[in-house]
Amino acid sequence: MFKLRLTIVTRGREAFAGVNPVRQVRTQFFYATNTEGTDRQYLDLVDGKVIRYGSRNGGDGSDPKLGYTLNQPAVERPAMAPGETINENYVIVGISGENGEIRNEQAVSGTTTYVGREALETPIGTTNACKFSTVARVRQVDGSDLTTLQDNWIAADGPYRGQMLKMVTREGGAVGTLVATQITYTPK
């Protein structure tokens, strides 16, 4: 088991992939190695769908030459009823360098099922959460497929609505769990 601290700060809108989505700065600190990594995620809510456009490497003010990834097409998650499943098929395109060279492409396919609402107990308290279960297959550089099973609990209401509260991933025999221990929210 590894321990990490994940911090996500939602910023304003920023041009990305020909659109003007909301920018989230995501920082992960890994306690085992005492290292930190930051990227910027680009997403939006359009007609009841969460749309994930991609990410840029580095935090605010980072050199654009650090590279970025695009989800092609952008990943869309509509409002769902319990038991409803959607298929997700897209390619993550890694781009870097002076002229925006493509450094790799990874095909992603899978399904996401909205399991339903449930009370979730975390260090920040008991929260009404929406549970989603995902099966994702990612094509690796060597041509093999990596299958990941993932359960996500997203706050359904209250001050943390829309925030991820817990994530459990399974790859082969390895299981990873990420649980929110603190959410700092400042209304505007």
N, C-alpha and C. Protein backbone atom coordinates (compact mmCIF):
# COMPACT_ATOMS: atom_id res chain seq x y z
N MET A 1 0.84 -1.17 0.00
CA MET A 1 0.00 0.00 0.00
C MET A 1 0.89 1.24 0.00
N PHE A 2 0.50 2.25 -0.76
CA PHE A 2 1.25 3.50 -0.77
C PHE A 2 0.35 4.62 -0.28
N LYS A 3 1.00 5.65 0.22
CA LYS A 3 0.25 6.79 0.74
C LYS A 3 0.59 8.00 -0.12
N LEU A 4 -0.45 8.75 -0.49
CA LEU A 4 -0.24 9.98 -1.23
C LEU A 4 -1.23 11.02 -0.78
N ARG A 5 -0.89 12.25 -1.03
CA ARG A 5 -1.78 13.38 -0.77
C ARG A 5 -2.15 13.96 -2.12
N LEU A 6 -3.43 14.09 -2.39
CA LEU A 6 -3.92 14.63 -3.65
C LEU A 6 -4.62 15.94 -3.36
N THR A 7 -4.19 17.00 -4.03
CA THR A 7 -4.81 18.31 -3.88
C THR A 7 -5.31 18.75 -5.24
N ILE A 8 -6.59 19.12 -5.31
CA ILE A 8 -7.17 19.61 -6.56
C ILE A 8 -7.75 20.99 -6.29
N VAL A 9 -7.30 21.97 -7.06
CA VAL A 9 -7.80 23.35 -6.94
C VAL A 9 -8.45 23.73 -8.26
N THR A 10 -9.73 24.12 -8.19
CA THR A 10 -10.45 24.52 -9.40
C THR A 10 -10.17 26.00 -9.65
N ARG A 11 -9.72 26.28 -10.85
CA ARG A 11 -9.39 27.66 -11.26
C ARG A 11 -10.45 28.15 -12.24
N GLY A 12 -10.12 29.20 -12.96
CA GLY A 12 -11.03 29.75 -13.96
C GLY A 12 -10.94 29.01 -15.27
N ARG A 13 -11.49 29.59 -16.29
CA ARG A 13 -11.47 29.00 -17.62
C ARG A 13 -10.17 29.34 -18.33
N GLU A 14 -9.73 28.42 -19.20
CA GLU A 14 -8.49 28.60 -19.95
C GLU A 14 -8.63 27.91 -21.30
N ALA A 15 -8.11 28.54 -22.35
CA ALA A 15 -8.17 27.95 -23.68
C ALA A 15 -7.40 26.63 -23.69
N PHE A 16 -8.04 25.59 -24.25
CA PHE A 16 -7.42 24.27 -24.37
C PHE A 16 -8.16 23.49 -25.45
N ALA A 17 -7.44 22.93 -26.37
CA ALA A 17 -8.00 22.07 -27.43
C ALA A 17 -9.15 22.74 -28.19
N GLY A 18 -9.02 24.05 -28.43
CA GLY A 18 -10.02 24.77 -29.21
C GLY A 18 -11.29 25.14 -28.46
N VAL A 19 -11.33 24.90 -27.14
CA VAL A 19 -12.48 25.26 -26.31
C VAL A 19 -11.98 26.07 -25.11
N ASN A 20 -12.87 26.47 -24.24
CA ASN A 20 -12.51 27.28 -23.09
C ASN A 20 -13.04 26.64 -21.80
N PRO A 21 -12.49 25.45 -21.44
CA PRO A 21 -13.01 24.72 -20.27
C PRO A 21 -12.47 25.24 -18.95
N VAL A 22 -13.01 24.69 -17.86
CA VAL A 22 -12.55 24.98 -16.51
C VAL A 22 -11.22 24.25 -16.29
N ARG A 23 -10.30 24.91 -15.60
CA ARG A 23 -8.97 24.33 -15.32
C ARG A 23 -8.93 23.89 -13.86
N GLN A 24 -8.47 22.67 -13.63
CA GLN A 24 -8.20 22.20 -12.27
C GLN A 24 -6.72 21.89 -12.17
N VAL A 25 -6.08 22.40 -11.12
CA VAL A 25 -4.67 22.11 -10.87
C VAL A 25 -4.64 20.94 -9.89
N ARG A 26 -4.03 19.82 -10.31
CA ARG A 26 -3.99 18.61 -9.49
C ARG A 26 -2.54 18.31 -9.09
N THR A 27 -2.30 18.26 -7.78
CA THR A 27 -0.96 17.98 -7.25
C THR A 27 -1.01 16.69 -6.45
N GLN A 28 -0.10 15.78 -6.75
CA GLN A 28 0.01 14.52 -6.02
C GLN A 28 1.37 14.49 -5.32
N PHE A 29 1.34 14.25 -4.01
CA PHE A 29 2.57 14.12 -3.23
C PHE A 29 2.66 12.67 -2.77
N PHE A 30 3.77 12.00 -3.12
CA PHE A 30 3.99 10.60 -2.78
C PHE A 30 4.92 10.53 -1.58
N TYR A 31 4.38 10.09 -0.45
CA TYR A 31 5.15 10.04 0.79
C TYR A 31 6.33 9.08 0.71
N ALA A 32 6.18 7.94 0.05
CA ALA A 32 7.24 6.92 0.00
C ALA A 32 8.51 7.45 -0.65
N THR A 33 8.35 8.30 -1.67
CA THR A 33 9.52 8.81 -2.40
C THR A 33 9.78 10.29 -2.14
N ASN A 34 8.92 10.93 -1.35
CA ASN A 34 9.04 12.35 -1.06
C ASN A 34 9.10 13.18 -2.34
N THR A 35 8.24 12.80 -3.32
CA THR A 35 8.20 13.51 -4.60
C THR A 35 6.79 14.02 -4.86
N GLU A 36 6.72 15.00 -5.76
CA GLU A 36 5.45 15.64 -6.06
C GLU A 36 5.33 15.82 -7.56
N GLY A 37 4.13 15.69 -8.08
CA GLY A 37 3.85 15.94 -9.49
C GLY A 37 2.59 16.76 -9.63
N THR A 38 2.59 17.68 -10.59
CA THR A 38 1.44 18.57 -10.79
C THR A 38 1.06 18.57 -12.26
N ASP A 39 -0.24 18.57 -12.52
CA ASP A 39 -0.74 18.77 -13.86
C ASP A 39 -2.01 19.60 -13.80
N ARG A 40 -2.49 20.00 -14.96
CA ARG A 40 -3.71 20.78 -15.07
C ARG A 40 -4.72 19.97 -15.87
N GLN A 41 -5.88 19.72 -15.29
CA GLN A 41 -6.95 18.98 -15.94
C GLN A 41 -7.94 19.98 -16.53
N TYR A 42 -8.48 19.66 -17.71
CA TYR A 42 -9.42 20.55 -18.38
C TYR A 42 -10.75 19.83 -18.57
N LEU A 43 -11.81 20.40 -17.96
CA LEU A 43 -13.12 19.77 -18.01
C LEU A 43 -14.21 20.82 -17.97
N ASP A 44 -15.43 20.38 -18.24
CA ASP A 44 -16.56 21.30 -18.20
C ASP A 44 -17.84 20.50 -18.01
N LEU A 45 -18.89 21.18 -17.64
CA LEU A 45 -20.22 20.60 -17.53
C LEU A 45 -21.05 21.25 -18.61
N VAL A 46 -21.48 20.45 -19.60
CA VAL A 46 -22.23 20.97 -20.73
C VAL A 46 -23.48 20.11 -20.92
N ASP A 47 -24.65 20.72 -20.86
CA ASP A 47 -25.92 20.00 -21.05
C ASP A 47 -26.02 18.76 -20.18
N GLY A 48 -25.62 18.87 -18.91
CA GLY A 48 -25.72 17.76 -17.98
C GLY A 48 -24.65 16.70 -18.14
N LYS A 49 -23.64 16.96 -18.96
CA LYS A 49 -22.56 16.00 -19.17
C LYS A 49 -21.25 16.59 -18.68
N VAL A 50 -20.48 15.77 -17.94
CA VAL A 50 -19.12 16.16 -17.56
C VAL A 50 -18.24 15.78 -18.75
N ILE A 51 -17.52 16.76 -19.28
CA ILE A 51 -16.67 16.53 -20.45
C ILE A 51 -15.22 16.75 -20.04
N ARG A 52 -14.39 15.72 -20.24
CA ARG A 52 -12.96 15.78 -19.92
C ARG A 52 -12.19 15.89 -21.24
N TYR A 53 -11.52 17.05 -21.41
CA TYR A 53 -10.82 17.32 -22.66
C TYR A 53 -9.38 16.81 -22.66
N GLY A 54 -8.72 16.81 -21.50
CA GLY A 54 -7.32 16.38 -21.44
C GLY A 54 -6.59 17.09 -20.31
N SER A 55 -5.26 17.11 -20.41
CA SER A 55 -4.45 17.72 -19.35
C SER A 55 -3.16 18.30 -19.91
N ARG A 56 -2.55 19.19 -19.13
CA ARG A 56 -1.22 19.74 -19.44
C ARG A 56 -0.30 19.38 -18.30
N ASN A 57 0.94 19.08 -18.61
CA ASN A 57 1.92 18.77 -17.57
C ASN A 57 2.35 20.04 -16.86
N GLY A 58 2.58 19.94 -15.55
CA GLY A 58 3.04 21.07 -14.76
C GLY A 58 1.89 21.90 -14.21
N GLY A 59 2.19 22.72 -13.24
CA GLY A 59 1.20 23.56 -12.60
C GLY A 59 1.02 24.88 -13.31
N ASP A 60 0.33 25.82 -12.65
CA ASP A 60 0.13 27.15 -13.22
C ASP A 60 1.47 27.78 -13.56
N GLY A 61 1.56 28.40 -14.71
CA GLY A 61 2.78 29.09 -15.11
C GLY A 61 3.85 28.17 -15.68
N SER A 62 3.57 26.89 -15.84
CA SER A 62 4.57 25.96 -16.38
C SER A 62 4.78 26.20 -17.87
N ASP A 63 5.96 25.83 -18.33
CA ASP A 63 6.32 25.94 -19.73
C ASP A 63 5.41 25.04 -20.56
N PRO A 64 4.71 25.59 -21.57
CA PRO A 64 3.83 24.77 -22.40
C PRO A 64 4.56 23.64 -23.12
N LYS A 65 5.88 23.74 -23.27
CA LYS A 65 6.65 22.70 -23.95
C LYS A 65 6.75 21.42 -23.11
N LEU A 66 6.30 21.47 -21.83
CA LEU A 66 6.31 20.27 -21.01
C LEU A 66 5.38 19.20 -21.58
N GLY A 67 4.45 19.62 -22.42
CA GLY A 67 3.58 18.66 -23.07
C GLY A 67 2.19 18.61 -22.47
N TYR A 68 1.32 17.92 -23.19
CA TYR A 68 -0.06 17.78 -22.76
C TYR A 68 -0.66 16.54 -23.39
N THR A 69 -1.83 16.16 -22.91
CA THR A 69 -2.55 15.03 -23.49
C THR A 69 -3.94 15.50 -23.89
N LEU A 70 -4.44 14.91 -24.94
CA LEU A 70 -5.80 15.18 -25.40
C LEU A 70 -6.59 13.89 -25.36
N ASN A 71 -7.83 13.96 -24.92
CA ASN A 71 -8.74 12.85 -25.05
C ASN A 71 -9.48 13.05 -26.37
N GLN A 72 -9.33 12.13 -27.32
CA GLN A 72 -9.96 12.30 -28.62
C GLN A 72 -10.86 11.12 -28.92
N PRO A 73 -12.18 11.29 -29.00
CA PRO A 73 -12.88 12.54 -28.70
C PRO A 73 -12.90 12.78 -27.19
N ALA A 74 -13.32 13.97 -26.80
CA ALA A 74 -13.40 14.30 -25.38
C ALA A 74 -14.33 13.30 -24.69
N VAL A 75 -13.99 12.92 -23.46
CA VAL A 75 -14.77 11.94 -22.71
C VAL A 75 -16.00 12.63 -22.13
N GLU A 76 -17.19 12.10 -22.42
CA GLU A 76 -18.44 12.68 -21.93
C GLU A 76 -19.14 11.71 -21.00
N ARG A 77 -19.55 12.20 -19.84
CA ARG A 77 -20.35 11.38 -18.91
C ARG A 77 -21.67 12.10 -18.67
N PRO A 78 -22.76 11.56 -19.21
CA PRO A 78 -24.06 12.20 -19.02
C PRO A 78 -24.64 11.90 -17.64
N ALA A 79 -25.72 12.60 -17.29
CA ALA A 79 -26.47 12.25 -16.09
C ALA A 79 -27.01 10.85 -16.32
N MET A 80 -26.91 9.96 -15.32
CA MET A 80 -27.26 8.56 -15.51
C MET A 80 -28.25 8.09 -14.46
N ALA A 81 -29.02 7.07 -14.80
CA ALA A 81 -29.94 6.41 -13.87
C ALA A 81 -29.22 5.20 -13.27
N PRO A 82 -29.58 4.78 -12.04
CA PRO A 82 -28.94 3.60 -11.45
C PRO A 82 -29.02 2.39 -12.39
N GLY A 83 -27.88 1.71 -12.53
CA GLY A 83 -27.80 0.54 -13.40
C GLY A 83 -27.46 0.87 -14.84
N GLU A 84 -27.51 2.14 -15.22
CA GLU A 84 -27.21 2.53 -16.60
C GLU A 84 -25.71 2.46 -16.85
N THR A 85 -25.34 1.94 -18.02
CA THR A 85 -23.94 1.79 -18.40
C THR A 85 -23.68 2.54 -19.69
N ILE A 86 -22.54 3.22 -19.75
CA ILE A 86 -22.12 3.87 -21.00
C ILE A 86 -20.80 3.27 -21.45
N ASN A 87 -20.60 3.24 -22.75
CA ASN A 87 -19.32 2.80 -23.33
C ASN A 87 -18.44 4.01 -23.51
N GLU A 88 -17.17 3.85 -23.20
CA GLU A 88 -16.21 4.93 -23.39
C GLU A 88 -15.07 4.41 -24.27
N ASN A 89 -14.86 5.07 -25.39
CA ASN A 89 -13.79 4.72 -26.31
C ASN A 89 -13.14 6.00 -26.78
N TYR A 90 -11.87 6.16 -26.46
CA TYR A 90 -11.16 7.36 -26.86
C TYR A 90 -9.67 7.05 -26.92
N VAL A 91 -8.90 7.98 -27.44
CA VAL A 91 -7.45 7.84 -27.55
C VAL A 91 -6.82 8.99 -26.77
N ILE A 92 -5.88 8.65 -25.88
CA ILE A 92 -5.10 9.68 -25.20
C ILE A 92 -3.87 9.95 -26.08
N VAL A 93 -3.75 11.19 -26.55
CA VAL A 93 -2.65 11.57 -27.42
C VAL A 93 -1.67 12.41 -26.61
N GLY A 94 -0.42 11.93 -26.45
CA GLY A 94 0.62 12.66 -25.75
C GLY A 94 1.37 13.55 -26.71
N ILE A 95 1.45 14.84 -26.41
CA ILE A 95 2.06 15.82 -27.31
C ILE A 95 3.11 16.61 -26.54
N SER A 96 4.29 16.83 -27.16
CA SER A 96 5.33 17.63 -26.52
C SER A 96 6.26 18.19 -27.57
N GLY A 97 7.20 19.03 -27.12
CA GLY A 97 8.22 19.57 -28.02
C GLY A 97 7.85 20.91 -28.61
N GLU A 98 8.83 21.50 -29.26
CA GLU A 98 8.69 22.84 -29.85
C GLU A 98 7.53 22.92 -30.83
N ASN A 99 7.35 21.88 -31.66
CA ASN A 99 6.34 21.92 -32.71
C ASN A 99 5.13 21.06 -32.39
N GLY A 100 4.97 20.67 -31.13
CA GLY A 100 3.82 19.88 -30.73
C GLY A 100 3.81 18.48 -31.32
N GLU A 101 4.97 17.80 -31.27
CA GLU A 101 5.06 16.46 -31.83
C GLU A 101 4.27 15.47 -30.98
N ILE A 102 3.63 14.51 -31.65
CA ILE A 102 2.93 13.44 -30.94
C ILE A 102 3.99 12.47 -30.43
N ARG A 103 4.02 12.24 -29.10
CA ARG A 103 5.02 11.33 -28.55
C ARG A 103 4.46 9.93 -28.34
N ASN A 104 3.14 9.81 -28.13
CA ASN A 104 2.51 8.49 -28.06
C ASN A 104 1.01 8.62 -28.13
N GLU A 105 0.37 7.50 -28.41
CA GLU A 105 -1.09 7.44 -28.43
C GLU A 105 -1.49 6.16 -27.70
N GLN A 106 -2.47 6.27 -26.81
CA GLN A 106 -2.95 5.11 -26.08
C GLN A 106 -4.47 5.01 -26.23
N ALA A 107 -4.91 3.91 -26.82
CA ALA A 107 -6.34 3.67 -26.97
C ALA A 107 -6.91 3.24 -25.62
N VAL A 108 -8.05 3.81 -25.25
CA VAL A 108 -8.74 3.46 -24.01
C VAL A 108 -10.16 3.04 -24.39
N SER A 109 -10.59 1.89 -23.86
CA SER A 109 -11.97 1.46 -24.08
C SER A 109 -12.48 0.88 -22.78
N GLY A 110 -13.78 0.93 -22.61
CA GLY A 110 -14.34 0.35 -21.40
C GLY A 110 -15.77 0.79 -21.18
N THR A 111 -16.25 0.51 -19.98
CA THR A 111 -17.61 0.85 -19.61
C THR A 111 -17.62 1.49 -18.23
N THR A 112 -18.58 2.39 -18.04
CA THR A 112 -18.83 2.97 -16.72
C THR A 112 -20.30 2.75 -16.40
N THR A 113 -20.56 2.21 -15.22
CA THR A 113 -21.92 1.95 -14.76
C THR A 113 -22.20 2.80 -13.53
N TYR A 114 -23.34 3.48 -13.56
CA TYR A 114 -23.78 4.21 -12.37
C TYR A 114 -24.48 3.20 -11.47
N VAL A 115 -23.87 2.88 -10.34
CA VAL A 115 -24.40 1.88 -9.42
C VAL A 115 -25.60 2.45 -8.66
N GLY A 116 -25.50 3.70 -8.22
CA GLY A 116 -26.58 4.34 -7.47
C GLY A 116 -26.02 5.17 -6.33
N ARG A 117 -26.92 5.67 -5.50
CA ARG A 117 -26.51 6.49 -4.35
C ARG A 117 -26.38 5.62 -3.11
N GLU A 118 -25.43 6.02 -2.27
CA GLU A 118 -25.25 5.33 -0.99
C GLU A 118 -24.58 6.27 -0.01
N ALA A 119 -24.76 5.99 1.27
CA ALA A 119 -24.10 6.76 2.31
C ALA A 119 -22.65 6.28 2.38
N LEU A 120 -21.72 7.20 2.34
CA LEU A 120 -20.30 6.86 2.37
C LEU A 120 -19.67 7.50 3.60
N GLU A 121 -18.99 6.68 4.39
CA GLU A 121 -18.29 7.15 5.59
C GLU A 121 -16.83 7.39 5.22
N THR A 122 -16.36 8.62 5.41
CA THR A 122 -14.95 8.97 5.18
C THR A 122 -14.49 9.83 6.35
N PRO A 123 -13.21 10.16 6.42
CA PRO A 123 -12.73 11.03 7.49
C PRO A 123 -13.40 12.41 7.52
N ILE A 124 -14.02 12.83 6.41
CA ILE A 124 -14.70 14.13 6.42
C ILE A 124 -16.16 14.00 6.84
N GLY A 125 -16.60 12.77 7.14
CA GLY A 125 -17.97 12.54 7.62
C GLY A 125 -18.73 11.61 6.71
N THR A 126 -20.00 11.40 7.04
CA THR A 126 -20.88 10.57 6.22
C THR A 126 -21.54 11.45 5.18
N THR A 127 -21.44 11.04 3.93
CA THR A 127 -21.92 11.85 2.83
C THR A 127 -22.76 10.99 1.89
N ASN A 128 -23.82 11.56 1.34
CA ASN A 128 -24.61 10.91 0.30
C ASN A 128 -23.78 10.97 -0.98
N ALA A 129 -23.44 9.80 -1.54
CA ALA A 129 -22.53 9.76 -2.68
C ALA A 129 -23.11 8.94 -3.83
N CYS A 130 -22.73 9.30 -5.05
CA CYS A 130 -23.05 8.52 -6.24
C CYS A 130 -21.87 7.59 -6.50
N LYS A 131 -22.15 6.29 -6.67
CA LYS A 131 -21.09 5.32 -6.92
C LYS A 131 -21.10 4.94 -8.40
N PHE A 132 -19.89 4.96 -8.99
CA PHE A 132 -19.69 4.55 -10.37
C PHE A 132 -18.67 3.42 -10.41
N SER A 133 -18.90 2.41 -11.24
CA SER A 133 -17.94 1.32 -11.43
C SER A 133 -17.49 1.33 -12.88
N THR A 134 -16.17 1.30 -13.07
CA THR A 134 -15.59 1.38 -14.41
C THR A 134 -14.69 0.19 -14.67
N VAL A 135 -14.76 -0.33 -15.89
CA VAL A 135 -13.80 -1.30 -16.40
C VAL A 135 -13.13 -0.61 -17.58
N ALA A 136 -11.81 -0.40 -17.48
CA ALA A 136 -11.08 0.30 -18.54
C ALA A 136 -9.94 -0.57 -19.04
N ARG A 137 -9.79 -0.59 -20.36
CA ARG A 137 -8.66 -1.27 -21.00
C ARG A 137 -7.82 -0.22 -21.71
N VAL A 138 -6.55 -0.16 -21.33
CA VAL A 138 -5.64 0.83 -21.90
C VAL A 138 -4.57 0.09 -22.69
N ARG A 139 -4.41 0.46 -23.96
CA ARG A 139 -3.38 -0.14 -24.81
C ARG A 139 -2.04 0.44 -24.41
N GLN A 140 -1.11 -0.44 -24.01
CA GLN A 140 0.22 -0.03 -23.56
C GLN A 140 1.15 0.16 -24.75
N VAL A 141 2.29 0.79 -24.51
CA VAL A 141 3.27 1.07 -25.55
C VAL A 141 3.74 -0.23 -26.21
N ASP A 142 3.84 -1.33 -25.43
CA ASP A 142 4.30 -2.61 -25.99
C ASP A 142 3.20 -3.37 -26.73
N GLY A 143 1.99 -2.78 -26.82
CA GLY A 143 0.89 -3.41 -27.54
C GLY A 143 -0.03 -4.24 -26.66
N SER A 144 0.36 -4.49 -25.41
CA SER A 144 -0.50 -5.26 -24.51
C SER A 144 -1.60 -4.36 -23.96
N ASP A 145 -2.64 -4.99 -23.44
CA ASP A 145 -3.73 -4.25 -22.81
C ASP A 145 -3.64 -4.37 -21.31
N LEU A 146 -3.82 -3.26 -20.61
CA LEU A 146 -3.88 -3.22 -19.16
C LEU A 146 -5.33 -2.98 -18.77
N THR A 147 -5.91 -3.91 -18.01
CA THR A 147 -7.30 -3.76 -17.58
C THR A 147 -7.32 -3.27 -16.13
N THR A 148 -8.07 -2.21 -15.91
CA THR A 148 -8.22 -1.63 -14.58
C THR A 148 -9.70 -1.61 -14.21
N LEU A 149 -9.99 -2.06 -13.00
CA LEU A 149 -11.34 -1.95 -12.44
C LEU A 149 -11.30 -0.80 -11.43
N GLN A 150 -12.29 0.07 -11.49
CA GLN A 150 -12.26 1.24 -10.62
C GLN A 150 -13.66 1.56 -10.12
N ASP A 151 -13.77 1.82 -8.82
CA ASP A 151 -15.01 2.31 -8.22
C ASP A 151 -14.75 3.72 -7.72
N ASN A 152 -15.66 4.63 -8.04
CA ASN A 152 -15.56 6.03 -7.60
C ASN A 152 -16.83 6.43 -6.87
N TRP A 153 -16.66 7.16 -5.78
CA TRP A 153 -17.78 7.73 -5.05
C TRP A 153 -17.66 9.24 -5.14
N ILE A 154 -18.69 9.88 -5.69
CA ILE A 154 -18.72 11.32 -5.89
C ILE A 154 -19.82 11.90 -5.01
N ALA A 155 -19.50 12.97 -4.27
CA ALA A 155 -20.51 13.59 -3.40
C ALA A 155 -21.73 14.00 -4.23
N ALA A 156 -22.91 13.57 -3.78
CA ALA A 156 -24.15 13.82 -4.52
C ALA A 156 -24.79 15.16 -4.16
N ASP A 157 -24.52 15.65 -2.96
CA ASP A 157 -25.13 16.91 -2.53
C ASP A 157 -24.28 17.52 -1.43
N GLY A 158 -24.75 18.63 -0.91
CA GLY A 158 -24.02 19.30 0.16
C GLY A 158 -22.88 20.14 -0.36
N PRO A 159 -22.01 20.61 0.53
CA PRO A 159 -20.96 21.54 0.13
C PRO A 159 -19.89 20.91 -0.76
N TYR A 160 -19.79 19.58 -0.79
CA TYR A 160 -18.76 18.92 -1.60
C TYR A 160 -19.33 18.31 -2.88
N ARG A 161 -20.55 18.68 -3.23
CA ARG A 161 -21.21 18.11 -4.41
C ARG A 161 -20.28 18.12 -5.62
N GLY A 162 -20.16 16.95 -6.26
CA GLY A 162 -19.34 16.83 -7.45
C GLY A 162 -17.89 16.47 -7.19
N GLN A 163 -17.47 16.46 -5.93
CA GLN A 163 -16.08 16.15 -5.59
C GLN A 163 -15.92 14.64 -5.34
N MET A 164 -14.78 14.11 -5.78
CA MET A 164 -14.50 12.71 -5.53
C MET A 164 -14.17 12.51 -4.06
N LEU A 165 -14.87 11.56 -3.42
CA LEU A 165 -14.66 11.28 -2.02
C LEU A 165 -13.80 10.02 -1.81
N LYS A 166 -13.94 9.07 -2.72
CA LYS A 166 -13.20 7.81 -2.58
C LYS A 166 -13.04 7.17 -3.95
N MET A 167 -11.89 6.51 -4.15
CA MET A 167 -11.64 5.76 -5.37
C MET A 167 -10.90 4.48 -4.99
N VAL A 168 -11.34 3.36 -5.53
CA VAL A 168 -10.67 2.08 -5.33
C VAL A 168 -10.35 1.53 -6.72
N THR A 169 -9.07 1.23 -6.97
CA THR A 169 -8.65 0.66 -8.25
C THR A 169 -8.07 -0.72 -8.02
N ARG A 170 -8.28 -1.57 -9.03
CA ARG A 170 -7.75 -2.93 -8.99
C ARG A 170 -7.12 -3.24 -10.35
N GLU A 171 -5.84 -3.58 -10.31
CA GLU A 171 -5.11 -4.02 -11.50
C GLU A 171 -4.45 -5.33 -11.13
N GLY A 172 -4.90 -6.44 -11.72
CA GLY A 172 -4.37 -7.73 -11.33
C GLY A 172 -4.67 -7.95 -9.86
N GLY A 173 -3.65 -8.29 -9.08
CA GLY A 173 -3.83 -8.52 -7.65
C GLY A 173 -3.62 -7.27 -6.81
N ALA A 174 -3.25 -6.15 -7.43
CA ALA A 174 -2.98 -4.92 -6.68
C ALA A 174 -4.26 -4.10 -6.50
N VAL A 175 -4.45 -3.60 -5.29
CA VAL A 175 -5.61 -2.76 -4.99
C VAL A 175 -5.09 -1.44 -4.41
N GLY A 176 -5.60 -0.34 -4.94
CA GLY A 176 -5.24 0.98 -4.42
C GLY A 176 -6.50 1.71 -3.99
N THR A 177 -6.42 2.40 -2.86
CA THR A 177 -7.57 3.15 -2.35
C THR A 177 -7.14 4.58 -2.08
N LEU A 178 -7.96 5.51 -2.53
CA LEU A 178 -7.74 6.94 -2.31
C LEU A 178 -9.01 7.46 -1.63
N VAL A 179 -8.86 8.06 -0.45
CA VAL A 179 -10.01 8.57 0.30
C VAL A 179 -9.75 10.03 0.68
N ALA A 180 -10.76 10.86 0.47
CA ALA A 180 -10.64 12.27 0.86
C ALA A 180 -10.59 12.36 2.38
N THR A 181 -9.57 13.02 2.90
CA THR A 181 -9.45 13.22 4.34
C THR A 181 -9.76 14.66 4.72
N GLN A 182 -9.71 15.55 3.72
CA GLN A 182 -10.02 16.97 3.96
C GLN A 182 -10.39 17.60 2.64
N ILE A 183 -11.43 18.36 2.63
CA ILE A 183 -11.80 19.15 1.46
C ILE A 183 -11.98 20.57 1.97
N THR A 184 -11.20 21.48 1.40
CA THR A 184 -11.32 22.88 1.76
C THR A 184 -12.11 23.56 0.64
N TYR A 185 -13.23 24.15 0.99
CA TYR A 185 -14.10 24.75 0.00
C TYR A 185 -14.38 26.17 0.41
N THR A 186 -14.10 27.09 -0.48
CA THR A 186 -14.38 28.50 -0.22
C THR A 186 -15.37 28.98 -1.27
N PRO A 187 -16.66 29.18 -0.88
CA PRO A 187 -17.64 29.65 -1.87
C PRO A 187 -17.28 31.03 -2.38
N LYS A 188 -17.62 31.28 -3.64
CA LYS A 188 -17.34 32.59 -4.23
C LYS A 188 -18.56 33.46 -4.13
